[in-house]
Amino acid sequence: MDKLDLILGKLEEIQKSHELFDIKLNTIEQKLDIIKEQTANNTEYQFDIKEIGIKVNDLETDIKLLKKAITN
């Protein structure tokens, strides 16, 4: 029975290790999902920032033209 108890003990250790592995894997998957969502949001924000930059440049041009029209 000693060998059987030893084998059962090792199997329990393997099962506990497997359970911990599953928990860690689930945690990694959750974090990966969060990173994917953040990446998608950042991509959208980058597009918005580029649009704002274009609008600012257009407004600067409009202001320059208005200044020239007023001063002449």
C-alpha atoms as a PDB file:
ATOM      1  CA  MET A   1       0.000   0.000   0.000  1.00  0.00           C
ATOM      2  CA  ASP A   2       2.927   2.361   0.440  1.00  0.00           C
ATOM      3  CA  LYS A   3       3.574   2.545  -3.290  1.00  0.00           C
ATOM      4  CA  LEU A   4      -0.115   3.078  -3.972  1.00  0.00           C
ATOM      5  CA  ASP A   5      -0.257   5.900  -1.420  1.00  0.00           C
ATOM      6  CA  LEU A   6       2.816   7.461  -3.000  1.00  0.00           C
ATOM      7  CA  ILE A   7       1.257   7.260  -6.451  1.00  0.00           C
ATOM      8  CA  LEU A   8      -2.030   8.721  -5.176  1.00  0.00           C
ATOM      9  CA  GLY A   9      -0.096  11.532  -3.480  1.00  0.00           C
ATOM     10  CA  LYS A  10       1.725  12.333  -6.717  1.00  0.00           C
ATOM     11  CA  LEU A  11      -1.572  12.285  -8.625  1.00  0.00           C
ATOM     12  CA  GLU A  12      -3.049  14.768  -6.148  1.00  0.00           C
ATOM     13  CA  GLU A  13      -0.023  17.016  -6.597  1.00  0.00           C
ATOM     14  CA  ILE A  14      -0.417  16.827 -10.374  1.00  0.00           C
ATOM     15  CA  GLN A  15      -4.127  17.602 -10.079  1.00  0.00           C
ATOM     16  CA  LYS A  16      -3.437  20.628  -7.852  1.00  0.00           C
ATOM     17  CA  SER A  17      -0.766  21.830 -10.287  1.00  0.00           C
ATOM     18  CA  HIS A  18      -3.205  21.380 -13.147  1.00  0.00           C
ATOM     19  CA  GLU A  19      -5.876  23.391 -11.304  1.00  0.00           C
ATOM     20  CA  LEU A  20      -3.378  26.194 -10.607  1.00  0.00           C
ATOM     21  CA  PHE A  21      -2.347  26.145 -14.246  1.00  0.00           C
ATOM     22  CA  ASP A  22      -6.000  26.481 -15.318  1.00  0.00           C
ATOM     23  CA  ILE A  23      -6.491  29.421 -12.960  1.00  0.00           C
ATOM     24  CA  LYS A  24      -3.369  31.154 -14.259  1.00  0.00           C
ATOM     25  CA  LEU A  25      -4.352  30.467 -17.852  1.00  0.00           C
ATOM     26  CA  ASN A  26      -7.812  31.948 -17.275  1.00  0.00           C
ATOM     27  CA  THR A  27      -6.223  35.026 -15.705  1.00  0.00           C
ATOM     28  CA  ILE A  28      -3.922  35.442 -18.701  1.00  0.00           C
ATOM     29  CA  GLU A  29      -6.868  35.080 -21.096  1.00  0.00           C
ATOM     30  CA  GLN A  30      -8.816  37.760 -19.193  1.00  0.00           C
ATOM     31  CA  LYS A  31      -5.837  40.116 -19.301  1.00  0.00           C
ATOM     32  CA  LEU A  32      -5.400  39.446 -23.003  1.00  0.00           C
ATOM     33  CA  ASP A  33      -9.052  40.319 -23.619  1.00  0.00           C
ATOM     34  CA  ILE A  34      -8.530  43.591 -21.747  1.00  0.00           C
ATOM     35  CA  ILE A  35      -5.430  44.375 -23.817  1.00  0.00           C
ATOM     36  CA  LYS A  36      -7.340  43.668 -27.039  1.00  0.00           C
ATOM     37  CA  GLU A  37     -10.114  46.040 -25.982  1.00  0.00           C
ATOM     38  CA  GLN A  38      -7.645  48.752 -24.974  1.00  0.00           C
ATOM     39  CA  THR A  39      -5.802  48.394 -28.277  1.00  0.00           C
ATOM     40  CA  ALA A  40      -9.027  48.806 -30.220  1.00  0.00           C
ATOM     41  CA  ASN A  41      -9.934  51.890 -28.175  1.00  0.00           C
ATOM     42  CA  ASN A  42      -6.466  53.383 -28.642  1.00  0.00           C
ATOM     43  CA  THR A  43      -6.728  52.901 -32.395  1.00  0.00           C
ATOM     44  CA  GLU A  44     -10.025  54.784 -32.406  1.00  0.00           C
ATOM     45  CA  TYR A  45      -8.540  57.590 -30.298  1.00  0.00           C
ATOM     46  CA  GLN A  46      -5.550  57.885 -32.635  1.00  0.00           C
ATOM     47  CA  PHE A  47      -7.918  58.360 -35.569  1.00  0.00           C
ATOM     48  CA  ASP A  48      -9.839  61.033 -33.618  1.00  0.00           C
ATOM     49  CA  ILE A  49      -6.614  62.835 -32.696  1.00  0.00           C
ATOM     50  CA  LYS A  50      -5.499  62.876 -36.340  1.00  0.00           C
ATOM     51  CA  GLU A  51      -8.860  64.340 -37.356  1.00  0.00           C
ATOM     52  CA  ILE A  52      -8.576  67.014 -34.682  1.00  0.00           C
ATOM     53  CA  GLY A  53      -5.056  67.867 -35.893  1.00  0.00           C
ATOM     54  CA  ILE A  54      -6.354  68.333 -39.439  1.00  0.00           C
ATOM     55  CA  LYS A  55      -9.185  70.550 -38.206  1.00  0.00           C
ATOM     56  CA  VAL A  56      -6.764  72.656 -36.157  1.00  0.00           C
ATOM     57  CA  ASN A  57      -4.541  73.146 -39.208  1.00  0.00           C
ATOM     58  CA  ASP A  58      -7.566  74.166 -41.261  1.00  0.00           C
ATOM     59  CA  LEU A  59      -8.645  76.630 -38.571  1.00  0.00           C
ATOM     60  CA  GLU A  60      -5.148  78.121 -38.413  1.00  0.00           C
ATOM     61  CA  THR A  61      -5.278  78.690 -42.157  1.00  0.00           C
ATOM     62  CA  ASP A  62      -8.720  80.291 -41.837  1.00  0.00           C
ATOM     63  CA  ILE A  63      -7.468  82.610 -39.075  1.00  0.00           C
ATOM     64  CA  LYS A  64      -4.466  83.656 -41.153  1.00  0.00           C
ATOM     65  CA  LEU A  65      -6.743  84.447 -44.094  1.00  0.00           C
ATOM     66  CA  LEU A  66      -9.107  86.425 -41.870  1.00  0.00           C
ATOM     67  CA  LYS A  67      -6.188  88.408 -40.409  1.00  0.00           C
ATOM     68  CA  LYS A  68      -4.964  89.252 -43.887  1.00  0.00           C
ATOM     69  CA  ALA A  69      -8.467  90.260 -44.965  1.00  0.00           C
ATOM     70  CA  ILE A  70      -8.905  92.494 -41.915  1.00  0.00           C
ATOM     71  CA  THR A  71      -5.498  94.163 -42.130  1.00  0.00           C
ATOM     72  CA  ASN A  72      -5.791  94.945 -45.865  1.00  0.00           C
END
